């Protein structure tokens, strides 16, 4: 009797142990499945990080190339500014002579112009690049910038400069100019001045 009870107790104990182990196994399987999912997520995240690093390296390379290109363009820009200044310096005397000839022929000897491309800096003996048209008025015996002249005087002189540049370009291109058309350039002139300008 006692042996049977002892056997049954052991069997029951073993069943309980098996059930507990089975529960633990199920729990471990669920944990393993969860860890595998997490591992898959981590692997995907690592792939994304690697791709992002490659993209950052590519962007850094592109930025470096763009910085070099910008530096090169800045150098070219400075060079072009110098070329433009040289072009103006080269054309200036001829354009000035043609413009003054037009002014003297059309309006008499009162006005003459000079194209200014350099001026002294405030400090030091160096020169800085500028662009201004200085007009000498023989009646008033004064020189001033075209930008501060009266409307009528400015119109006359601007027209003369425009024609001077046009004639210079035509001459440099090997052509000739016999006829010029003017459109609405007498707005700043009195009626008598407008008629004189057209003549």
C-alpha atoms as a PDB file:
ATOM      1  CA  UNK A   1       0.000   0.000   0.000  1.00  0.00           C
ATOM      2  CA  UNK A   2       2.731   2.366   0.975  1.00  0.00           C
ATOM      3  CA  UNK A   3       4.709   1.425  -2.131  1.00  0.00           C
ATOM      4  CA  UNK A   4       1.737   2.284  -4.361  1.00  0.00           C
ATOM      5  CA  UNK A   5       1.264   5.609  -2.656  1.00  0.00           C
ATOM      6  CA  UNK A   6       4.952   6.355  -3.008  1.00  0.00           C
ATOM      7  CA  UNK A   7       4.866   5.448  -6.721  1.00  0.00           C
ATOM      8  CA  UNK A   8       1.810   7.574  -7.334  1.00  0.00           C
ATOM      9  CA  UNK A   9       3.451  10.460  -5.532  1.00  0.00           C
ATOM     10  CA  UNK A  10       6.545  10.149  -7.702  1.00  0.00           C
ATOM     11  CA  UNK A  11       4.437   9.911 -10.843  1.00  0.00           C
ATOM     12  CA  UNK A  12       2.502  13.004  -9.845  1.00  0.00           C
ATOM     13  CA  UNK A  13       5.710  14.808  -9.021  1.00  0.00           C
ATOM     14  CA  UNK A  14       7.180  13.858 -12.390  1.00  0.00           C
ATOM     15  CA  UNK A  15       4.037  15.028 -14.204  1.00  0.00           C
ATOM     16  CA  UNK A  16       4.219  18.347 -12.416  1.00  0.00           C
ATOM     17  CA  UNK A  17       7.891  18.616 -13.334  1.00  0.00           C
ATOM     18  CA  UNK A  18       7.090  17.785 -16.969  1.00  0.00           C
ATOM     19  CA  UNK A  19       4.246  20.330 -17.054  1.00  0.00           C
ATOM     20  CA  UNK A  20       6.490  22.993 -15.549  1.00  0.00           C
ATOM     21  CA  UNK A  21       9.263  22.174 -18.018  1.00  0.00           C
ATOM     22  CA  UNK A  22       6.720  22.260 -20.862  1.00  0.00           C
ATOM     23  CA  UNK A  23       5.559  25.709 -19.777  1.00  0.00           C
ATOM     24  CA  UNK A  24       9.141  26.886 -19.511  1.00  0.00           C
ATOM     25  CA  UNK A  25       9.826  25.482 -22.977  1.00  0.00           C
ATOM     26  CA  UNK A  26       6.826  27.307 -24.428  1.00  0.00           C
ATOM     27  CA  UNK A  27       7.973  30.500 -22.748  1.00  0.00           C
ATOM     28  CA  UNK A  28      11.475  30.041 -24.100  1.00  0.00           C
ATOM     29  CA  UNK A  29      10.112  29.372 -27.588  1.00  0.00           C
ATOM     30  CA  UNK A  30       8.075  32.591 -27.449  1.00  0.00           C
ATOM     31  CA  UNK A  31      11.095  34.506 -26.179  1.00  0.00           C
ATOM     32  CA  UNK A  32      13.242  32.972 -28.938  1.00  0.00           C
ATOM     33  CA  UNK A  33      10.662  33.999 -31.550  1.00  0.00           C
ATOM     34  CA  UNK A  34      10.543  37.525 -30.136  1.00  0.00           C
ATOM     35  CA  UNK A  35      14.337  37.734 -30.113  1.00  0.00           C
ATOM     36  CA  UNK A  36      14.476  36.516 -33.712  1.00  0.00           C
ATOM     37  CA  UNK A  37      12.025  39.273 -34.715  1.00  0.00           C
ATOM     38  CA  UNK A  38      14.093  41.828 -32.817  1.00  0.00           C
ATOM     39  CA  UNK A  39      17.253  40.494 -34.439  1.00  0.00           C
ATOM     40  CA  UNK A  40      15.657  40.810 -37.858  1.00  0.00           C
ATOM     41  CA  UNK A  41      14.700  44.407 -37.031  1.00  0.00           C
ATOM     42  CA  UNK A  42      18.239  45.133 -35.844  1.00  0.00           C
ATOM     43  CA  UNK A  43      19.715  43.639 -39.011  1.00  0.00           C
ATOM     44  CA  UNK A  44      17.383  45.827 -41.114  1.00  0.00           C
ATOM     45  CA  UNK A  45      18.320  48.857 -39.043  1.00  0.00           C
ATOM     46  CA  UNK A  46      22.011  48.075 -39.557  1.00  0.00           C
ATOM     47  CA  UNK A  47      21.415  47.841 -43.311  1.00  0.00           C
ATOM     48  CA  UNK A  48      19.708  51.236 -43.256  1.00  0.00           C
ATOM     49  CA  UNK A  49      22.569  52.699 -41.216  1.00  0.00           C
ATOM     50  CA  UNK A  50      25.109  51.287 -43.688  1.00  0.00           C
ATOM     51  CA  UNK A  51      23.132  52.721 -46.619  1.00  0.00           C
ATOM     52  CA  UNK A  52      22.911  56.089 -44.849  1.00  0.00           C
ATOM     53  CA  UNK A  53      26.673  56.064 -44.288  1.00  0.00           C
ATOM     54  CA  UNK A  54      27.279  55.377 -47.967  1.00  0.00           C
ATOM     55  CA  UNK A  55      24.917  58.214 -48.854  1.00  0.00           C
ATOM     56  CA  UNK A  56      26.726  60.550 -46.442  1.00  0.00           C
ATOM     57  CA  UNK A  57      30.085  59.627 -47.967  1.00  0.00           C
ATOM     58  CA  UNK A  58      28.671  60.307 -51.448  1.00  0.00           C
ATOM     59  CA  UNK A  59      27.186  63.622 -50.299  1.00  0.00           C
ATOM     60  CA  UNK A  60      30.480  64.628 -48.703  1.00  0.00           C
ATOM     61  CA  UNK A  61      32.259  63.846 -51.973  1.00  0.00           C
ATOM     62  CA  UNK A  62      29.657  65.835 -53.955  1.00  0.00           C
ATOM     63  CA  UNK A  63      29.930  68.774 -51.539  1.00  0.00           C
ATOM     64  CA  UNK A  64      33.720  68.747 -51.849  1.00  0.00           C
ATOM     65  CA  UNK A  65      33.432  68.708 -55.648  1.00  0.00           C
ATOM     66  CA  UNK A  66      30.916  71.569 -55.566  1.00  0.00           C
ATOM     67  CA  UNK A  67      33.167  73.577 -53.245  1.00  0.00           C
ATOM     68  CA  UNK A  68      36.033  73.136 -55.700  1.00  0.00           C
ATOM     69  CA  UNK A  69      33.780  74.144 -58.599  1.00  0.00           C
ATOM     70  CA  UNK A  70      32.546  77.223 -56.714  1.00  0.00           C
ATOM     71  CA  UNK A  71      36.140  78.216 -55.979  1.00  0.00           C
ATOM     72  CA  UNK A  72      37.016  77.814 -59.655  1.00  0.00           C
ATOM     73  CA  UNK A  73      34.022  79.887 -60.732  1.00  0.00           C
ATOM     74  CA  UNK A  74      34.988  82.609 -58.242  1.00  0.00           C
ATOM     75  CA  UNK A  75      38.443  82.710 -59.769  1.00  0.00           C
ATOM     76  CA  UNK A  76      36.890  82.912 -63.249  1.00  0.00           C
ATOM     77  CA  UNK A  77      34.509  85.636 -62.033  1.00  0.00           C
ATOM     78  CA  UNK A  78      37.407  87.734 -60.781  1.00  0.00           C
ATOM     79  CA  UNK A  79      39.263  87.157 -64.022  1.00  0.00           C
ATOM     80  CA  UNK A  80      36.199  88.158 -66.049  1.00  0.00           C
ATOM     81  CA  UNK A  81      35.799  91.330 -64.006  1.00  0.00           C
ATOM     82  CA  UNK A  82      39.346  92.168 -64.916  1.00  0.00           C
ATOM     83  CA  UNK A  83      38.683  91.417 -68.586  1.00  0.00           C
ATOM     84  CA  UNK A  84      35.577  93.630 -68.563  1.00  0.00           C
ATOM     85  CA  UNK A  85      37.596  96.439 -67.001  1.00  0.00           C
ATOM     86  CA  UNK A  86      40.316  95.966 -69.612  1.00  0.00           C
ATOM     87  CA  UNK A  87      37.686  96.041 -72.377  1.00  0.00           C
ATOM     88  CA  UNK A  88      36.284  99.304 -70.997  1.00  0.00           C
ATOM     89  CA  UNK A  89      39.781 100.755 -70.606  1.00  0.00           C
ATOM     90  CA  UNK A  90      40.587  99.729 -74.172  1.00  0.00           C
ATOM     91  CA  UNK A  91      37.347 101.070 -75.676  1.00  0.00           C
ATOM     92  CA  UNK A  92      37.045 104.094 -73.381  1.00  0.00           C
ATOM     93  CA  UNK A  93      39.209 106.597 -75.252  1.00  0.00           C
ATOM     94  CA  UNK A  94      37.619 105.828 -78.628  1.00  0.00           C
ATOM     95  CA  UNK A  95      34.053 105.869 -77.259  1.00  0.00           C
ATOM     96  CA  UNK A  96      34.851 109.119 -75.420  1.00  0.00           C
ATOM     97  CA  UNK A  97      36.195 110.716 -78.604  1.00  0.00           C
ATOM     98  CA  UNK A  98      33.157 109.669 -80.662  1.00  0.00           C
ATOM     99  CA  UNK A  99      30.754 110.826 -77.925  1.00  0.00           C
ATOM    100  CA  UNK A 100      32.438 114.218 -77.590  1.00  0.00           C
ATOM    101  CA  UNK A 101      32.390 114.631 -81.366  1.00  0.00           C
ATOM    102  CA  UNK A 102      28.621 113.951 -81.346  1.00  0.00           C
ATOM    103  CA  UNK A 103      28.082 116.395 -78.452  1.00  0.00           C
ATOM    104  CA  UNK A 104      30.108 119.131 -80.111  1.00  0.00           C
ATOM    105  CA  UNK A 105      28.433 118.613 -83.492  1.00  0.00           C
ATOM    106  CA  UNK A 106      24.870 118.526 -82.121  1.00  0.00           C
ATOM    107  CA  UNK A 107      24.978 120.836 -79.100  1.00  0.00           C
ATOM    108  CA  UNK A 108      28.143 122.882 -79.400  1.00  0.00           C
ATOM    109  CA  UNK A 109      31.281 122.813 -77.232  1.00  0.00           C
ATOM    110  CA  UNK A 110      29.525 123.146 -73.871  1.00  0.00           C
ATOM    111  CA  UNK A 111      29.646 119.485 -72.766  1.00  0.00           C
ATOM    112  CA  UNK A 112      32.385 116.880 -72.951  1.00  0.00           C
ATOM    113  CA  UNK A 113      32.606 113.514 -71.229  1.00  0.00           C
ATOM    114  CA  UNK A 114      35.243 111.268 -69.755  1.00  0.00           C
ATOM    115  CA  UNK A 115      34.762 107.594 -68.805  1.00  0.00           C
ATOM    116  CA  UNK A 116      36.244 106.898 -65.379  1.00  0.00           C
ATOM    117  CA  UNK A 117      37.203 103.275 -64.581  1.00  0.00           C
ATOM    118  CA  UNK A 118      39.592 103.728 -61.645  1.00  0.00           C
ATOM    119  CA  UNK A 119      39.701 105.805 -58.488  1.00  0.00           C
ATOM    120  CA  UNK A 120      42.062 106.032 -55.549  1.00  0.00           C
ATOM    121  CA  UNK A 121      41.155 104.191 -52.346  1.00  0.00           C
ATOM    122  CA  UNK A 122      40.445 106.079 -49.143  1.00  0.00           C
ATOM    123  CA  UNK A 123      43.510 104.525 -47.531  1.00  0.00           C
ATOM    124  CA  UNK A 124      46.761 103.905 -49.334  1.00  0.00           C
ATOM    125  CA  UNK A 125      47.963 104.600 -52.836  1.00  0.00           C
ATOM    126  CA  UNK A 126      46.208 101.652 -54.449  1.00  0.00           C
ATOM    127  CA  UNK A 127      43.485 102.120 -57.053  1.00  0.00           C
ATOM    128  CA  UNK A 128      40.017 100.583 -57.040  1.00  0.00           C
ATOM    129  CA  UNK A 129      37.845  99.706 -60.001  1.00  0.00           C
ATOM    130  CA  UNK A 130      34.863 102.003 -60.574  1.00  0.00           C
ATOM    131  CA  UNK A 131      32.661 103.009 -63.463  1.00  0.00           C
ATOM    132  CA  UNK A 132      31.395 106.550 -63.819  1.00  0.00           C
ATOM    133  CA  UNK A 133      30.858 109.052 -66.611  1.00  0.00           C
ATOM    134  CA  UNK A 134      32.224 112.472 -65.723  1.00  0.00           C
ATOM    135  CA  UNK A 135      30.747 115.410 -67.632  1.00  0.00           C
ATOM    136  CA  UNK A 136      32.566 118.714 -67.999  1.00  0.00           C
ATOM    137  CA  UNK A 137      30.329 121.772 -68.437  1.00  0.00           C
ATOM    138  CA  UNK A 138      32.368 124.605 -70.001  1.00  0.00           C
ATOM    139  CA  UNK A 139      29.681 127.226 -69.302  1.00  0.00           C
ATOM    140  CA  UNK A 140      29.770 126.535 -65.559  1.00  0.00           C
ATOM    141  CA  UNK A 141      33.403 125.427 -65.578  1.00  0.00           C
ATOM    142  CA  UNK A 142      32.628 122.352 -63.487  1.00  0.00           C
ATOM    143  CA  UNK A 143      32.808 118.575 -63.726  1.00  0.00           C
ATOM    144  CA  UNK A 144      30.278 116.197 -62.214  1.00  0.00           C
ATOM    145  CA  UNK A 145      28.898 112.695 -62.592  1.00  0.00           C
ATOM    146  CA  UNK A 146      26.280 112.106 -65.262  1.00  0.00           C
ATOM    147  CA  UNK A 147      24.021 110.616 -62.572  1.00  0.00           C
ATOM    148  CA  UNK A 148      23.529 114.017 -60.858  1.00  0.00           C
ATOM    149  CA  UNK A 149      22.822 116.096 -63.960  1.00  0.00           C
ATOM    150  CA  UNK A 150      19.437 117.563 -64.838  1.00  0.00           C
ATOM    151  CA  UNK A 151      16.955 115.494 -66.862  1.00  0.00           C
ATOM    152  CA  UNK A 152      17.438 117.338 -70.152  1.00  0.00           C
ATOM    153  CA  UNK A 153      21.223 117.459 -69.950  1.00  0.00           C
ATOM    154  CA  UNK A 154      21.337 113.812 -68.924  1.00  0.00           C
ATOM    155  CA  UNK A 155      19.162 112.890 -71.932  1.00  0.00           C
ATOM    156  CA  UNK A 156      21.447 114.676 -74.377  1.00  0.00           C
ATOM    157  CA  UNK A 157      24.584 113.120 -72.971  1.00  0.00           C
ATOM    158  CA  UNK A 158      23.128 109.608 -72.586  1.00  0.00           C
ATOM    159  CA  UNK A 159      22.019 109.722 -76.215  1.00  0.00           C
ATOM    160  CA  UNK A 160      25.466 110.833 -77.314  1.00  0.00           C
ATOM    161  CA  UNK A 161      27.132 108.051 -75.281  1.00  0.00           C
ATOM    162  CA  UNK A 162      24.684 105.428 -76.612  1.00  0.00           C
ATOM    163  CA  UNK A 163      25.404 106.509 -80.185  1.00  0.00           C
ATOM    164  CA  UNK A 164      29.117 106.618 -79.454  1.00  0.00           C
ATOM    165  CA  UNK A 165      29.088 103.024 -78.204  1.00  0.00           C
ATOM    166  CA  UNK A 166      26.977 101.917 -81.171  1.00  0.00           C
ATOM    167  CA  UNK A 167      29.336 103.575 -83.664  1.00  0.00           C
ATOM    168  CA  UNK A 168      32.352 102.089 -81.879  1.00  0.00           C
ATOM    169  CA  UNK A 169      30.875  98.571 -81.984  1.00  0.00           C
ATOM    170  CA  UNK A 170      29.939  98.972 -85.641  1.00  0.00           C
ATOM    171  CA  UNK A 171      33.441 100.173 -86.458  1.00  0.00           C
ATOM    172  CA  UNK A 172      35.077  97.332 -84.530  1.00  0.00           C
ATOM    173  CA  UNK A 173      32.855  94.813 -86.330  1.00  0.00           C
ATOM    174  CA  UNK A 174      33.912  96.244 -89.668  1.00  0.00           C
ATOM    175  CA  UNK A 175      30.510  97.776 -90.432  1.00  0.00           C
ATOM    176  CA  UNK A 176      29.269 101.301 -90.948  1.00  0.00           C
ATOM    177  CA  UNK A 177      26.299 103.270 -89.607  1.00  0.00           C
ATOM    178  CA  UNK A 178      24.390 105.741 -91.749  1.00  0.00           C
ATOM    179  CA  UNK A 179      21.050 105.926 -89.966  1.00  0.00           C
ATOM    180  CA  UNK A 180      19.989 105.826 -86.285  1.00  0.00           C
ATOM    181  CA  UNK A 181      16.450 105.599 -84.919  1.00  0.00           C
ATOM    182  CA  UNK A 182      15.514 107.299 -81.624  1.00  0.00           C
ATOM    183  CA  UNK A 183      12.406 106.368 -79.623  1.00  0.00           C
ATOM    184  CA  UNK A 184      10.897 108.560 -76.884  1.00  0.00           C
ATOM    185  CA  UNK A 185      14.167 110.052 -75.672  1.00  0.00           C
ATOM    186  CA  UNK A 186      12.949 113.672 -75.370  1.00  0.00           C
ATOM    187  CA  UNK A 187      10.776 113.202 -72.263  1.00  0.00           C
ATOM    188  CA  UNK A 188      13.242 115.095 -70.040  1.00  0.00           C
ATOM    189  CA  UNK A 189      13.654 117.964 -72.521  1.00  0.00           C
ATOM    190  CA  UNK A 190      11.675 121.187 -73.005  1.00  0.00           C
ATOM    191  CA  UNK A 191       9.919 121.478 -76.374  1.00  0.00           C
ATOM    192  CA  UNK A 192      12.669 123.580 -77.920  1.00  0.00           C
ATOM    193  CA  UNK A 193      15.333 121.243 -76.556  1.00  0.00           C
ATOM    194  CA  UNK A 194      13.464 118.252 -77.971  1.00  0.00           C
ATOM    195  CA  UNK A 195      13.391 119.766 -81.433  1.00  0.00           C
ATOM    196  CA  UNK A 196      17.083 120.596 -81.169  1.00  0.00           C
ATOM    197  CA  UNK A 197      17.830 117.060 -80.121  1.00  0.00           C
ATOM    198  CA  UNK A 198      15.967 115.602 -83.082  1.00  0.00           C
ATOM    199  CA  UNK A 199      17.838 117.845 -85.469  1.00  0.00           C
END
